Amino acid sequence: MNARPRPKTILVLGIVLACAGAVLQLVLPALGFSIAAASTTALGMDQDILLGFDFAVRAVGLIIAPLGSVLIGAGIVMGHVTRIVDGVRRDEAPHPGETHDTAHAADRLL
């Protein structure tokens, strides 16, 4: 089993994290404030919990969204490098009289 991450997997994970970060930054704080604005909440402890929740959501959202963007870029670069290395491997097929070291020079790129 190959334990290396695939470019498509990294790209999809980056897209999911970028979208999750956007949702965390846009939707959840507004939802928390709408709950706090309800007339049934107390003023003391509920506001402290809401402030902590808002801080945690914003902190996680600020970390997840850029991480998703980085993973999107990494997935694109990994896909491009994989195509280049595969092309080098196809071009360097062993010819009669070549040794194993010269035939697989592309393996040294990895």
C-alpha atoms as a PDB file:
ATOM      1  CA  MET A   1       0.000   0.000   0.000  1.00  0.00           C
ATOM      2  CA  ASN A   2       1.350   3.400  -0.998  1.00  0.00           C
ATOM      3  CA  ALA A   3       1.335   5.780   1.995  1.00  0.00           C
ATOM      4  CA  ARG A   4       2.078   8.893  -0.079  1.00  0.00           C
ATOM      5  CA  PRO A   5      -0.720  11.436  -0.381  1.00  0.00           C
ATOM      6  CA  ARG A   6      -2.097  11.840  -3.869  1.00  0.00           C
ATOM      7  CA  PRO A   7      -2.352  15.297  -5.464  1.00  0.00           C
ATOM      8  CA  LYS A   8      -6.104  14.980  -5.992  1.00  0.00           C
ATOM      9  CA  THR A   9      -6.636  14.082  -2.325  1.00  0.00           C
ATOM     10  CA  ILE A  10      -4.609  17.094  -1.173  1.00  0.00           C
ATOM     11  CA  LEU A  11      -6.503  19.351  -3.578  1.00  0.00           C
ATOM     12  CA  VAL A  12      -9.922  18.137  -2.382  1.00  0.00           C
ATOM     13  CA  LEU A  13      -8.857  18.456   1.262  1.00  0.00           C
ATOM     14  CA  GLY A  14      -7.694  22.019   0.593  1.00  0.00           C
ATOM     15  CA  ILE A  15     -11.009  22.941  -1.015  1.00  0.00           C
ATOM     16  CA  VAL A  16     -12.945  21.443   1.889  1.00  0.00           C
ATOM     17  CA  LEU A  17     -10.826  23.281   4.467  1.00  0.00           C
ATOM     18  CA  ALA A  18     -11.093  26.594   2.615  1.00  0.00           C
ATOM     19  CA  CYS A  19     -14.879  26.266   2.434  1.00  0.00           C
ATOM     20  CA  ALA A  20     -15.100  25.190   6.082  1.00  0.00           C
ATOM     21  CA  GLY A  21     -13.007  28.188   7.122  1.00  0.00           C
ATOM     22  CA  ALA A  22     -15.283  30.518   5.193  1.00  0.00           C
ATOM     23  CA  VAL A  23     -18.371  28.996   6.783  1.00  0.00           C
ATOM     24  CA  LEU A  24     -16.830  29.241  10.235  1.00  0.00           C
ATOM     25  CA  GLN A  25     -15.941  32.897   9.745  1.00  0.00           C
ATOM     26  CA  LEU A  26     -19.224  33.968   8.196  1.00  0.00           C
ATOM     27  CA  VAL A  27     -22.054  31.843   9.540  1.00  0.00           C
ATOM     28  CA  LEU A  28     -21.247  30.673  13.061  1.00  0.00           C
ATOM     29  CA  PRO A  29     -20.504  34.078  14.680  1.00  0.00           C
ATOM     30  CA  ALA A  30     -23.715  35.480  13.226  1.00  0.00           C
ATOM     31  CA  LEU A  31     -25.604  32.475  14.559  1.00  0.00           C
ATOM     32  CA  GLY A  32     -24.082  32.966  17.999  1.00  0.00           C
ATOM     33  CA  PHE A  33     -25.026  36.638  18.086  1.00  0.00           C
ATOM     34  CA  SER A  34     -28.574  35.866  17.007  1.00  0.00           C
ATOM     35  CA  ILE A  35     -28.840  33.407  19.904  1.00  0.00           C
ATOM     36  CA  ALA A  36     -27.436  36.026  22.277  1.00  0.00           C
ATOM     37  CA  ALA A  37     -29.955  38.597  21.063  1.00  0.00           C
ATOM     38  CA  ALA A  38     -32.866  36.367  22.064  1.00  0.00           C
ATOM     39  CA  SER A  39     -34.785  37.672  25.072  1.00  0.00           C
ATOM     40  CA  THR A  40     -34.505  34.384  26.974  1.00  0.00           C
ATOM     41  CA  THR A  41     -30.747  34.573  27.600  1.00  0.00           C
ATOM     42  CA  ALA A  42     -29.207  35.858  30.811  1.00  0.00           C
ATOM     43  CA  LEU A  43     -26.662  38.634  30.678  1.00  0.00           C
ATOM     44  CA  GLY A  44     -23.802  37.389  32.824  1.00  0.00           C
ATOM     45  CA  MET A  45     -22.551  33.904  32.133  1.00  0.00           C
ATOM     46  CA  ASP A  46     -24.146  33.521  28.707  1.00  0.00           C
ATOM     47  CA  GLN A  47     -22.224  36.502  27.341  1.00  0.00           C
ATOM     48  CA  ASP A  48     -18.941  35.073  28.616  1.00  0.00           C
ATOM     49  CA  ILE A  49     -19.650  31.728  26.988  1.00  0.00           C
ATOM     50  CA  LEU A  50     -20.634  33.468  23.779  1.00  0.00           C
ATOM     51  CA  LEU A  51     -17.455  35.546  23.822  1.00  0.00           C
ATOM     52  CA  GLY A  52     -15.340  32.409  24.295  1.00  0.00           C
ATOM     53  CA  PHE A  53     -17.235  30.596  21.561  1.00  0.00           C
ATOM     54  CA  ASP A  54     -16.836  33.541  19.187  1.00  0.00           C
ATOM     55  CA  PHE A  55     -13.115  33.773  19.918  1.00  0.00           C
ATOM     56  CA  ALA A  56     -12.584  30.034  19.366  1.00  0.00           C
ATOM     57  CA  VAL A  57     -14.580  30.002  16.120  1.00  0.00           C
ATOM     58  CA  ARG A  58     -12.755  33.038  14.724  1.00  0.00           C
ATOM     59  CA  ALA A  59      -9.351  31.632  15.692  1.00  0.00           C
ATOM     60  CA  VAL A  60     -10.073  28.267  14.071  1.00  0.00           C
ATOM     61  CA  GLY A  61     -11.552  29.990  11.012  1.00  0.00           C
ATOM     62  CA  LEU A  62      -8.475  32.185  10.641  1.00  0.00           C
ATOM     63  CA  ILE A  63      -6.237  29.113  10.739  1.00  0.00           C
ATOM     64  CA  ILE A  64      -8.306  26.746   8.575  1.00  0.00           C
ATOM     65  CA  ALA A  65      -8.979  29.077   5.612  1.00  0.00           C
ATOM     66  CA  PRO A  66      -5.296  29.856   4.847  1.00  0.00           C
ATOM     67  CA  LEU A  67      -4.373  26.220   5.457  1.00  0.00           C
ATOM     68  CA  GLY A  68      -6.955  25.230   2.851  1.00  0.00           C
ATOM     69  CA  SER A  69      -5.439  27.686   0.372  1.00  0.00           C
ATOM     70  CA  VAL A  70      -1.975  26.287   1.005  1.00  0.00           C
ATOM     71  CA  LEU A  71      -3.217  22.739   0.443  1.00  0.00           C
ATOM     72  CA  ILE A  72      -4.915  23.768  -2.807  1.00  0.00           C
ATOM     73  CA  GLY A  73      -1.611  25.182  -4.049  1.00  0.00           C
ATOM     74  CA  ALA A  74       0.288  22.107  -2.846  1.00  0.00           C
ATOM     75  CA  GLY A  75      -2.133  19.797  -4.653  1.00  0.00           C
ATOM     76  CA  ILE A  76      -1.683  21.722  -7.892  1.00  0.00           C
ATOM     77  CA  VAL A  77       2.116  21.689  -7.576  1.00  0.00           C
ATOM     78  CA  MET A  78       2.153  17.992  -6.667  1.00  0.00           C
ATOM     79  CA  GLY A  79       0.048  17.170  -9.723  1.00  0.00           C
ATOM     80  CA  HIS A  80       2.339  19.180 -11.980  1.00  0.00           C
ATOM     81  CA  VAL A  81       5.514  17.621 -10.567  1.00  0.00           C
ATOM     82  CA  THR A  82       3.989  14.139 -10.835  1.00  0.00           C
ATOM     83  CA  ARG A  83       3.256  14.710 -14.523  1.00  0.00           C
ATOM     84  CA  ILE A  84       6.805  15.966 -15.112  1.00  0.00           C
ATOM     85  CA  VAL A  85       8.408  13.030 -13.283  1.00  0.00           C
ATOM     86  CA  ASP A  86       6.174  10.516 -15.067  1.00  0.00           C
ATOM     87  CA  GLY A  87       7.137  12.091 -18.379  1.00  0.00           C
ATOM     88  CA  VAL A  88      10.822  11.843 -17.497  1.00  0.00           C
ATOM     89  CA  ARG A  89      10.390   8.177 -16.568  1.00  0.00           C
ATOM     90  CA  ARG A  90       8.700   7.382 -19.875  1.00  0.00           C
ATOM     91  CA  ASP A  91      11.392   9.223 -21.828  1.00  0.00           C
ATOM     92  CA  GLU A  92      14.200   7.437 -20.027  1.00  0.00           C
ATOM     93  CA  ALA A  93      13.219   3.855 -20.773  1.00  0.00           C
ATOM     94  CA  PRO A  94      16.230   1.566 -20.662  1.00  0.00           C
ATOM     95  CA  HIS A  95      17.903   1.017 -24.002  1.00  0.00           C
ATOM     96  CA  PRO A  96      20.008  -2.021 -24.853  1.00  0.00           C
ATOM     97  CA  GLY A  97      23.415  -1.679 -23.192  1.00  0.00           C
ATOM     98  CA  GLU A  98      22.323   0.794 -20.478  1.00  0.00           C
ATOM     99  CA  THR A  99      22.882   0.032 -16.845  1.00  0.00           C
ATOM    100  CA  HIS A 100      20.154   0.135 -14.211  1.00  0.00           C
ATOM    101  CA  ASP A 101      21.494   3.415 -12.768  1.00  0.00           C
ATOM    102  CA  THR A 102      21.276   5.376 -16.007  1.00  0.00           C
ATOM    103  CA  ALA A 103      17.911   3.926 -16.959  1.00  0.00           C
ATOM    104  CA  HIS A 104      16.216   5.064 -13.751  1.00  0.00           C
ATOM    105  CA  ALA A 105      17.694   8.518 -13.269  1.00  0.00           C
ATOM    106  CA  ALA A 106      14.213   9.933 -12.665  1.00  0.00           C
ATOM    107  CA  ASP A 107      13.935   7.903  -9.448  1.00  0.00           C
ATOM    108  CA  ARG A 108      16.589  10.140  -7.949  1.00  0.00           C
ATOM    109  CA  LEU A 109      14.266  13.133  -8.355  1.00  0.00           C
ATOM    110  CA  LEU A 110      11.942  11.724  -5.720  1.00  0.00           C
END
